[in-house]
Amino acid sequence: MISRINREGESMPHNLTVTVEDDLWKEMKKHADIRWSAVMKEAAKEKLRALAMLERLAGKTKLSEKEIEEFAVSLGKRITSRK
């Protein structure tokens, strides 16, 4: 694992560049008050939580990874539609 350390020995954050399509960019620009980097960061955290859950499930089931992933997508769609 690569860590960036400042002069005080503290861990520093990493930068990530995200490329988006023109249509998405235009919509994002309409909402200049939103910190899009924070939105992307939360999306990455949520994806990592979902992946960790899938890995735990995969270790406890006889389902294939594909079956687990399909189940997770289906579950995610149901949860999202309730909001």
PDB file of N, CA and C in Angstrom:
ATOM      1  N   MET A   1       0.839  -1.167   0.000  1.00  0.00           N
ATOM      2  CA  MET A   1       0.000   0.000   0.000  1.00  0.00           C
ATOM      3  C   MET A   1       0.890   1.237   0.000  1.00  0.00           C
ATOM      4  N   ILE A   2       0.553   2.197  -0.819  1.00  0.00           N
ATOM      5  CA  ILE A   2       1.332   3.422  -0.929  1.00  0.00           C
ATOM      6  C   ILE A   2       0.714   4.475  -0.025  1.00  0.00           C
ATOM      7  N   SER A   3       1.522   5.051   0.833  1.00  0.00           N
ATOM      8  CA  SER A   3       1.057   6.109   1.723  1.00  0.00           C
ATOM      9  C   SER A   3       1.831   7.381   1.432  1.00  0.00           C
ATOM     10  N   ARG A   4       1.120   8.480   1.522  1.00  0.00           N
ATOM     11  CA  ARG A   4       1.762   9.780   1.391  1.00  0.00           C
ATOM     12  C   ARG A   4       1.860  10.361   2.796  1.00  0.00           C
ATOM     13  N   ILE A   5       3.058  10.763   3.176  1.00  0.00           N
ATOM     14  CA  ILE A   5       3.311  11.270   4.523  1.00  0.00           C
ATOM     15  C   ILE A   5       3.846  12.699   4.417  1.00  0.00           C
ATOM     16  N   ASN A   6       3.291  13.608   5.240  1.00  0.00           N
ATOM     17  CA  ASN A   6       3.793  14.984   5.232  1.00  0.00           C
ATOM     18  C   ASN A   6       4.998  15.106   6.167  1.00  0.00           C
ATOM     19  N   ARG A   7       5.521  16.310   6.313  1.00  0.00           N
ATOM     20  CA  ARG A   7       6.735  16.525   7.123  1.00  0.00           C
ATOM     21  C   ARG A   7       6.524  16.185   8.592  1.00  0.00           C
ATOM     22  N   GLU A   8       5.281  16.279   9.060  1.00  0.00           N
ATOM     23  CA  GLU A   8       4.985  15.962  10.455  1.00  0.00           C
ATOM     24  C   GLU A   8       4.727  14.474  10.659  1.00  0.00           C
ATOM     25  N   GLY A   9       4.854  13.687   9.605  1.00  0.00           N
ATOM     26  CA  GLY A   9       4.642  12.253   9.704  1.00  0.00           C
ATOM     27  C   GLY A   9       3.181  11.837   9.627  1.00  0.00           C
ATOM     28  N   GLU A  10       2.314  12.770   9.233  1.00  0.00           N
ATOM     29  CA  GLU A  10       0.879  12.475   9.135  1.00  0.00           C
ATOM     30  C   GLU A  10       0.530  12.006   7.726  1.00  0.00           C
ATOM     31  N   SER A  11      -0.430  11.111   7.645  1.00  0.00           N
ATOM     32  CA  SER A  11      -0.893  10.617   6.354  1.00  0.00           C
ATOM     33  C   SER A  11      -1.617  11.727   5.599  1.00  0.00           C
ATOM     34  N   MET A  12      -1.356  11.828   4.312  1.00  0.00           N
ATOM     35  CA  MET A  12      -1.989  12.847   3.472  1.00  0.00           C
ATOM     36  C   MET A  12      -2.996  12.195   2.532  1.00  0.00           C
ATOM     37  N   PRO A  13      -4.058  12.912   2.171  1.00  0.00           N
ATOM     38  CA  PRO A  13      -5.044  12.355   1.236  1.00  0.00           C
ATOM     39  C   PRO A  13      -4.462  12.228  -0.170  1.00  0.00           C
ATOM     40  N   HIS A  14      -5.068  11.366  -0.949  1.00  0.00           N
ATOM     41  CA  HIS A  14      -4.681  11.171  -2.350  1.00  0.00           C
ATOM     42  C   HIS A  14      -5.664  11.909  -3.245  1.00  0.00           C
ATOM     43  N   ASN A  15      -5.220  12.267  -4.424  1.00  0.00           N
ATOM     44  CA  ASN A  15      -6.081  12.914  -5.405  1.00  0.00           C
ATOM     45  C   ASN A  15      -6.520  11.899  -6.447  1.00  0.00           C
ATOM     46  N   LEU A  16      -7.726  12.104  -6.974  1.00  0.00           N
ATOM     47  CA  LEU A  16      -8.276  11.231  -8.001  1.00  0.00           C
ATOM     48  C   LEU A  16      -8.934  12.108  -9.054  1.00  0.00           C
ATOM     49  N   THR A  17      -8.624  11.866 -10.309  1.00  0.00           N
ATOM     50  CA  THR A  17      -9.240  12.611 -11.399  1.00  0.00           C
ATOM     51  C   THR A  17     -10.349  11.764 -11.993  1.00  0.00           C
ATOM     52  N   VAL A  18     -11.522  12.363 -12.141  1.00  0.00           N
ATOM     53  CA  VAL A  18     -12.679  11.666 -12.694  1.00  0.00           C
ATOM     54  C   VAL A  18     -13.077  12.365 -13.991  1.00  0.00           C
ATOM     55  N   THR A  19     -13.263  11.602 -15.036  1.00  0.00           N
ATOM     56  CA  THR A  19     -13.705  12.133 -16.312  1.00  0.00           C
ATOM     57  C   THR A  19     -15.186  11.826 -16.478  1.00  0.00           C
ATOM     58  N   VAL A  20     -15.974  12.852 -16.829  1.00  0.00           N
ATOM     59  CA  VAL A  20     -17.411  12.663 -17.023  1.00  0.00           C
ATOM     60  C   VAL A  20     -17.797  13.147 -18.417  1.00  0.00           C
ATOM     61  N   GLU A  21     -18.886  12.605 -18.923  1.00  0.00           N
ATOM     62  CA  GLU A  21     -19.382  12.982 -20.239  1.00  0.00           C
ATOM     63  C   GLU A  21     -19.921  14.415 -20.197  1.00  0.00           C
ATOM     64  N   ASP A  22     -19.991  15.052 -21.380  1.00  0.00           N
ATOM     65  CA  ASP A  22     -20.447  16.440 -21.481  1.00  0.00           C
ATOM     66  C   ASP A  22     -21.829  16.650 -20.877  1.00  0.00           C
ATOM     67  N   ASP A  23     -22.772  15.747 -21.163  1.00  0.00           N
ATOM     68  CA  ASP A  23     -24.131  15.914 -20.642  1.00  0.00           C
ATOM     69  C   ASP A  23     -24.146  15.916 -19.114  1.00  0.00           C
ATOM     70  N   LEU A  24     -23.390  15.009 -18.531  1.00  0.00           N
ATOM     71  CA  LEU A  24     -23.318  14.944 -17.075  1.00  0.00           C
ATOM     72  C   LEU A  24     -22.656  16.207 -16.524  1.00  0.00           C
ATOM     73  N   TRP A  25     -21.590  16.658 -17.169  1.00  0.00           N
ATOM     74  CA  TRP A  25     -20.885  17.856 -16.731  1.00  0.00           C
ATOM     75  C   TRP A  25     -21.813  19.075 -16.749  1.00  0.00           C
ATOM     76  N   LYS A  26     -22.592  19.208 -17.803  1.00  0.00           N
ATOM     77  CA  LYS A  26     -23.521  20.343 -17.907  1.00  0.00           C
ATOM     78  C   LYS A  26     -24.538  20.329 -16.772  1.00  0.00           C
ATOM     79  N   GLU A  27     -25.035  19.151 -16.433  1.00  0.00           N
ATOM     80  CA  GLU A  27     -25.995  19.035 -15.330  1.00  0.00           C
ATOM     81  C   GLU A  27     -25.325  19.355 -13.994  1.00  0.00           C
ATOM     82  N   MET A  28     -24.105  18.886 -13.829  1.00  0.00           N
ATOM     83  CA  MET A  28     -23.379  19.154 -12.594  1.00  0.00           C
ATOM     84  C   MET A  28     -23.119  20.645 -12.435  1.00  0.00           C
ATOM     85  N   LYS A  29     -22.792  21.334 -13.513  1.00  0.00           N
ATOM     86  CA  LYS A  29     -22.499  22.764 -13.459  1.00  0.00           C
ATOM     87  C   LYS A  29     -23.726  23.584 -13.051  1.00  0.00           C
ATOM     88  N   LYS A  30     -24.920  23.034 -13.271  1.00  0.00           N
ATOM     89  CA  LYS A  30     -26.142  23.725 -12.859  1.00  0.00           C
ATOM     90  C   LYS A  30     -26.267  23.774 -11.344  1.00  0.00           C
ATOM     91  N   HIS A  31     -25.500  22.939 -10.669  1.00  0.00           N
ATOM     92  CA  HIS A  31     -25.546  22.828  -9.213  1.00  0.00           C
ATOM     93  C   HIS A  31     -24.163  23.132  -8.630  1.00  0.00           C
ATOM     94  N   ALA A  32     -23.697  24.322  -8.883  1.00  0.00           N
ATOM     95  CA  ALA A  32     -22.350  24.719  -8.468  1.00  0.00           C
ATOM     96  C   ALA A  32     -22.190  24.724  -6.945  1.00  0.00           C
ATOM     97  N   ASP A  33     -23.296  24.772  -6.221  1.00  0.00           N
ATOM     98  CA  ASP A  33     -23.239  24.790  -4.760  1.00  0.00           C
ATOM     99  C   ASP A  33     -22.896  23.425  -4.167  1.00  0.00           C
ATOM    100  N   ILE A  34     -22.982  22.384  -4.968  1.00  0.00           N
ATOM    101  CA  ILE A  34     -22.699  21.029  -4.488  1.00  0.00           C
ATOM    102  C   ILE A  34     -21.209  20.751  -4.626  1.00  0.00           C
ATOM    103  N   ARG A  35     -20.630  20.200  -3.554  1.00  0.00           N
ATOM    104  CA  ARG A  35     -19.226  19.795  -3.584  1.00  0.00           C
ATOM    105  C   ARG A  35     -19.167  18.403  -4.222  1.00  0.00           C
ATOM    106  N   TRP A  36     -18.966  18.363  -5.534  1.00  0.00           N
ATOM    107  CA  TRP A  36     -19.008  17.104  -6.270  1.00  0.00           C
ATOM    108  C   TRP A  36     -17.921  16.141  -5.825  1.00  0.00           C
ATOM    109  N   SER A  37     -16.800  16.658  -5.367  1.00  0.00           N
ATOM    110  CA  SER A  37     -15.746  15.758  -4.878  1.00  0.00           C
ATOM    111  C   SER A  37     -16.247  14.993  -3.653  1.00  0.00           C
ATOM    112  N   ALA A  38     -17.033  15.660  -2.802  1.00  0.00           N
ATOM    113  CA  ALA A  38     -17.590  14.988  -1.625  1.00  0.00           C
ATOM    114  C   ALA A  38     -18.610  13.934  -2.043  1.00  0.00           C
ATOM    115  N   VAL A  39     -19.384  14.224  -3.085  1.00  0.00           N
ATOM    116  CA  VAL A  39     -20.365  13.263  -3.601  1.00  0.00           C
ATOM    117  C   VAL A  39     -19.641  12.027  -4.126  1.00  0.00           C
ATOM    118  N   MET A  40     -18.582  12.239  -4.894  1.00  0.00           N
ATOM    119  CA  MET A  40     -17.802  11.121  -5.448  1.00  0.00           C
ATOM    120  C   MET A  40     -17.151  10.307  -4.320  1.00  0.00           C
ATOM    121  N   LYS A  41     -16.662  10.996  -3.295  1.00  0.00           N
ATOM    122  CA  LYS A  41     -16.027  10.317  -2.166  1.00  0.00           C
ATOM    123  C   LYS A  41     -17.034   9.425  -1.441  1.00  0.00           C
ATOM    124  N   GLU A  42     -18.247   9.941  -1.206  1.00  0.00           N
ATOM    125  CA  GLU A  42     -19.291   9.143  -0.548  1.00  0.00           C
ATOM    126  C   GLU A  42     -19.697   7.951  -1.412  1.00  0.00           C
ATOM    127  N   ALA A  43     -19.784   8.155  -2.726  1.00  0.00           N
ATOM    128  CA  ALA A  43     -20.135   7.060  -3.634  1.00  0.00           C
ATOM    129  C   ALA A  43     -19.069   5.962  -3.573  1.00  0.00           C
ATOM    130  N   ALA A  44     -17.809   6.351  -3.504  1.00  0.00           N
ATOM    131  CA  ALA A  44     -16.721   5.366  -3.415  1.00  0.00           C
ATOM    132  C   ALA A  44     -16.806   4.598  -2.096  1.00  0.00           C
ATOM    133  N   LYS A  45     -17.078   5.303  -0.997  1.00  0.00           N
ATOM    134  CA  LYS A  45     -17.210   4.638   0.307  1.00  0.00           C
ATOM    135  C   LYS A  45     -18.366   3.647   0.290  1.00  0.00           C
ATOM    136  N   GLU A  46     -19.492   4.053  -0.285  1.00  0.00           N
ATOM    137  CA  GLU A  46     -20.667   3.171  -0.340  1.00  0.00           C
ATOM    138  C   GLU A  46     -20.371   1.934  -1.185  1.00  0.00           C
ATOM    139  N   LYS A  47     -19.694   2.117  -2.299  1.00  0.00           N
ATOM    140  CA  LYS A  47     -19.332   0.984  -3.154  1.00  0.00           C
ATOM    141  C   LYS A  47     -18.403   0.025  -2.407  1.00  0.00           C
ATOM    142  N   LEU A  48     -17.444   0.571  -1.674  1.00  0.00           N
ATOM    143  CA  LEU A  48     -16.522  -0.271  -0.913  1.00  0.00           C
ATOM    144  C   LEU A  48     -17.246  -1.037   0.191  1.00  0.00           C
ATOM    145  N   ARG A  49     -18.233  -0.400   0.841  1.00  0.00           N
ATOM    146  CA  ARG A  49     -19.028  -1.104   1.854  1.00  0.00           C
ATOM    147  C   ARG A  49     -19.796  -2.259   1.209  1.00  0.00           C
ATOM    148  N   ALA A  50     -20.376  -2.010   0.036  1.00  0.00           N
ATOM    149  CA  ALA A  50     -21.127  -3.051  -0.668  1.00  0.00           C
ATOM    150  C   ALA A  50     -20.202  -4.203  -1.076  1.00  0.00           C
ATOM    151  N   LEU A  51     -19.018  -3.874  -1.553  1.00  0.00           N
ATOM    152  CA  LEU A  51     -18.062  -4.917  -1.941  1.00  0.00           C
ATOM    153  C   LEU A  51     -17.627  -5.744  -0.736  1.00  0.00           C
ATOM    154  N   ALA A  52     -17.420  -5.089   0.395  1.00  0.00           N
ATOM    155  CA  ALA A  52     -17.033  -5.815   1.610  1.00  0.00           C
ATOM    156  C   ALA A  52     -18.139  -6.776   2.023  1.00  0.00           C
ATOM    157  N   MET A  53     -19.391  -6.326   1.916  1.00  0.00           N
ATOM    158  CA  MET A  53     -20.514  -7.191   2.253  1.00  0.00           C
ATOM    159  C   MET A  53     -20.580  -8.378   1.302  1.00  0.00           C
ATOM    160  N   LEU A  54     -20.370  -8.130   0.017  1.00  0.00           N
ATOM    161  CA  LEU A  54     -20.370  -9.220  -0.962  1.00  0.00           C
ATOM    162  C   LEU A  54     -19.279 -10.238  -0.638  1.00  0.00           C
ATOM    163  N   GLU A  55     -18.112  -9.747  -0.252  1.00  0.00           N
ATOM    164  CA  GLU A  55     -17.009 -10.656   0.081  1.00  0.00           C
ATOM    165  C   GLU A  55     -17.353 -11.510   1.300  1.00  0.00           C
ATOM    166  N   ARG A  56     -18.009 -10.892   2.301  1.00  0.00           N
ATOM    167  CA  ARG A  56     -18.422 -11.667   3.480  1.00  0.00           C
ATOM    168  C   ARG A  56     -19.460 -12.711   3.104  1.00  0.00           C
ATOM    169  N   LEU A  57     -20.421 -12.308   2.274  1.00  0.00           N
ATOM    170  CA  LEU A  57     -21.455 -13.252   1.835  1.00  0.00           C
ATOM    171  C   LEU A  57     -20.852 -14.392   1.025  1.00  0.00           C
ATOM    172  N   ALA A  58     -19.909 -14.061   0.164  1.00  0.00           N
ATOM    173  CA  ALA A  58     -19.298 -15.078  -0.693  1.00  0.00           C
ATOM    174  C   ALA A  58     -18.607 -16.154   0.136  1.00  0.00           C
ATOM    175  N   GLY A  59     -18.085 -15.772   1.285  1.00  0.00           N
ATOM    176  CA  GLY A  59     -17.412 -16.739   2.144  1.00  0.00           C
ATOM    177  C   GLY A  59     -18.372 -17.631   2.910  1.00  0.00           C
ATOM    178  N   LYS A  60     -19.659 -17.257   2.947  1.00  0.00           N
ATOM    179  CA  LYS A  60     -20.632 -18.000   3.744  1.00  0.00           C
ATOM    180  C   LYS A  60     -21.714 -18.680   2.912  1.00  0.00           C
ATOM    181  N   THR A  61     -21.592 -18.692   1.608  1.00  0.00           N
ATOM    182  CA  THR A  61     -22.664 -19.236   0.777  1.00  0.00           C
ATOM    183  C   THR A  61     -22.105 -20.154  -0.298  1.00  0.00           C
ATOM    184  N   LYS A  62     -23.000 -20.934  -0.863  1.00  0.00           N
ATOM    185  CA  LYS A  62     -22.614 -21.796  -1.983  1.00  0.00           C
ATOM    186  C   LYS A  62     -22.953 -21.145  -3.324  1.00  0.00           C
ATOM    187  N   LEU A  63     -23.519 -19.927  -3.274  1.00  0.00           N
ATOM    188  CA  LEU A  63     -23.829 -19.203  -4.506  1.00  0.00           C
ATOM    189  C   LEU A  63     -22.536 -18.776  -5.190  1.00  0.00           C
ATOM    190  N   SER A  64     -22.603 -18.642  -6.509  1.00  0.00           N
ATOM    191  CA  SER A  64     -21.436 -18.159  -7.241  1.00  0.00           C
ATOM    192  C   SER A  64     -21.326 -16.643  -7.054  1.00  0.00           C
ATOM    193  N   GLU A  65     -20.156 -16.093  -7.377  1.00  0.00           N
ATOM    194  CA  GLU A  65     -19.971 -14.644  -7.271  1.00  0.00           C
ATOM    195  C   GLU A  65     -20.979 -13.911  -8.145  1.00  0.00           C
ATOM    196  N   LYS A  66     -21.234 -14.460  -9.334  1.00  0.00           N
ATOM    197  CA  LYS A  66     -22.190 -13.827 -10.249  1.00  0.00           C
ATOM    198  C   LYS A  66     -23.590 -13.812  -9.634  1.00  0.00           C
ATOM    199  N   GLU A  67     -23.991 -14.905  -9.010  1.00  0.00           N
ATOM    200  CA  GLU A  67     -25.311 -14.967  -8.375  1.00  0.00           C
ATOM    201  C   GLU A  67     -25.408 -13.980  -7.210  1.00  0.00           C
ATOM    202  N   ILE A  68     -24.340 -13.868  -6.450  1.00  0.00           N
ATOM    203  CA  ILE A  68     -24.329 -12.924  -5.336  1.00  0.00           C
ATOM    204  C   ILE A  68     -24.409 -11.494  -5.858  1.00  0.00           C
ATOM    205  N   GLU A  69     -23.657 -11.211  -6.900  1.00  0.00           N
ATOM    206  CA  GLU A  69     -23.672  -9.861  -7.470  1.00  0.00           C
ATOM    207  C   GLU A  69     -25.053  -9.517  -8.017  1.00  0.00           C
ATOM    208  N   GLU A  70     -25.684 -10.458  -8.711  1.00  0.00           N
ATOM    209  CA  GLU A  70     -27.028 -10.225  -9.237  1.00  0.00           C
ATOM    210  C   GLU A  70     -28.018  -9.970  -8.099  1.00  0.00           C
ATOM    211  N   PHE A  71     -27.881 -10.737  -7.016  1.00  0.00           N
ATOM    212  CA  PHE A  71     -28.733 -10.540  -5.851  1.00  0.00           C
ATOM    213  C   PHE A  71     -28.512  -9.144  -5.261  1.00  0.00           C
ATOM    214  N   ALA A  72     -27.246  -8.738  -5.141  1.00  0.00           N
ATOM    215  CA  ALA A  72     -26.919  -7.437  -4.567  1.00  0.00           C
ATOM    216  C   ALA A  72     -27.480  -6.298  -5.420  1.00  0.00           C
ATOM    217  N   VAL A  73     -27.373  -6.421  -6.728  1.00  0.00           N
ATOM    218  CA  VAL A  73     -27.920  -5.397  -7.631  1.00  0.00           C
ATOM    219  C   VAL A  73     -29.429  -5.325  -7.474  1.00  0.00           C
ATOM    220  N   SER A  74     -30.074  -6.470  -7.440  1.00  0.00           N
ATOM    221  CA  SER A  74     -31.525  -6.518  -7.265  1.00  0.00           C
ATOM    222  C   SER A  74     -31.936  -5.900  -5.933  1.00  0.00           C
ATOM    223  N   LEU A  75     -31.227  -6.251  -4.883  1.00  0.00           N
ATOM    224  CA  LEU A  75     -31.515  -5.698  -3.560  1.00  0.00           C
ATOM    225  C   LEU A  75     -31.305  -4.183  -3.553  1.00  0.00           C
ATOM    226  N   GLY A  76     -30.223  -3.734  -4.165  1.00  0.00           N
ATOM    227  CA  GLY A  76     -29.945  -2.299  -4.242  1.00  0.00           C
ATOM    228  C   GLY A  76     -31.039  -1.536  -4.954  1.00  0.00           C
ATOM    229  N   LYS A  77     -31.556  -2.110  -6.033  1.00  0.00           N
ATOM    230  CA  LYS A  77     -32.647  -1.464  -6.776  1.00  0.00           C
ATOM    231  C   LYS A  77     -33.905  -1.369  -5.914  1.00  0.00           C
ATOM    232  N   ARG A  78     -34.195  -2.435  -5.162  1.00  0.00           N
ATOM    233  CA  ARG A  78     -35.367  -2.404  -4.294  1.00  0.00           C
ATOM    234  C   ARG A  78     -35.220  -1.379  -3.188  1.00  0.00           C
ATOM    235  N   ILE A  79     -34.034  -1.289  -2.613  1.00  0.00           N
ATOM    236  CA  ILE A  79     -33.792  -0.319  -1.546  1.00  0.00           C
ATOM    237  C   ILE A  79     -33.898   1.097  -2.090  1.00  0.00           C
ATOM    238  N   THR A  80     -33.307   1.346  -3.251  1.00  0.00           N
ATOM    239  CA  THR A  80     -33.330   2.668  -3.855  1.00  0.00           C
ATOM    240  C   THR A  80     -34.740   3.106  -4.195  1.00  0.00           C
ATOM    241  N   SER A  81     -35.565   2.175  -4.645  1.00  0.00           N
ATOM    242  CA  SER A  81     -36.933   2.542  -5.047  1.00  0.00           C
ATOM    243  C   SER A  81     -37.797   2.900  -3.854  1.00  0.00           C
ATOM    244  N   ARG A  82     -37.371   2.527  -2.626  1.00  0.00           N
ATOM    245  CA  ARG A  82     -38.141   2.857  -1.415  1.00  0.00           C
ATOM    246  C   ARG A  82     -37.890   4.278  -0.937  1.00  0.00           C
ATOM    247  N   LYS A  83     -36.799   4.873  -1.360  1.00  0.00           N
ATOM    248  CA  LYS A  83     -36.425   6.220  -0.858  1.00  0.00           C
ATOM    249  C   LYS A  83     -37.327   7.291  -1.409  1.00  0.00           C
TER     250      LYS A  83
END
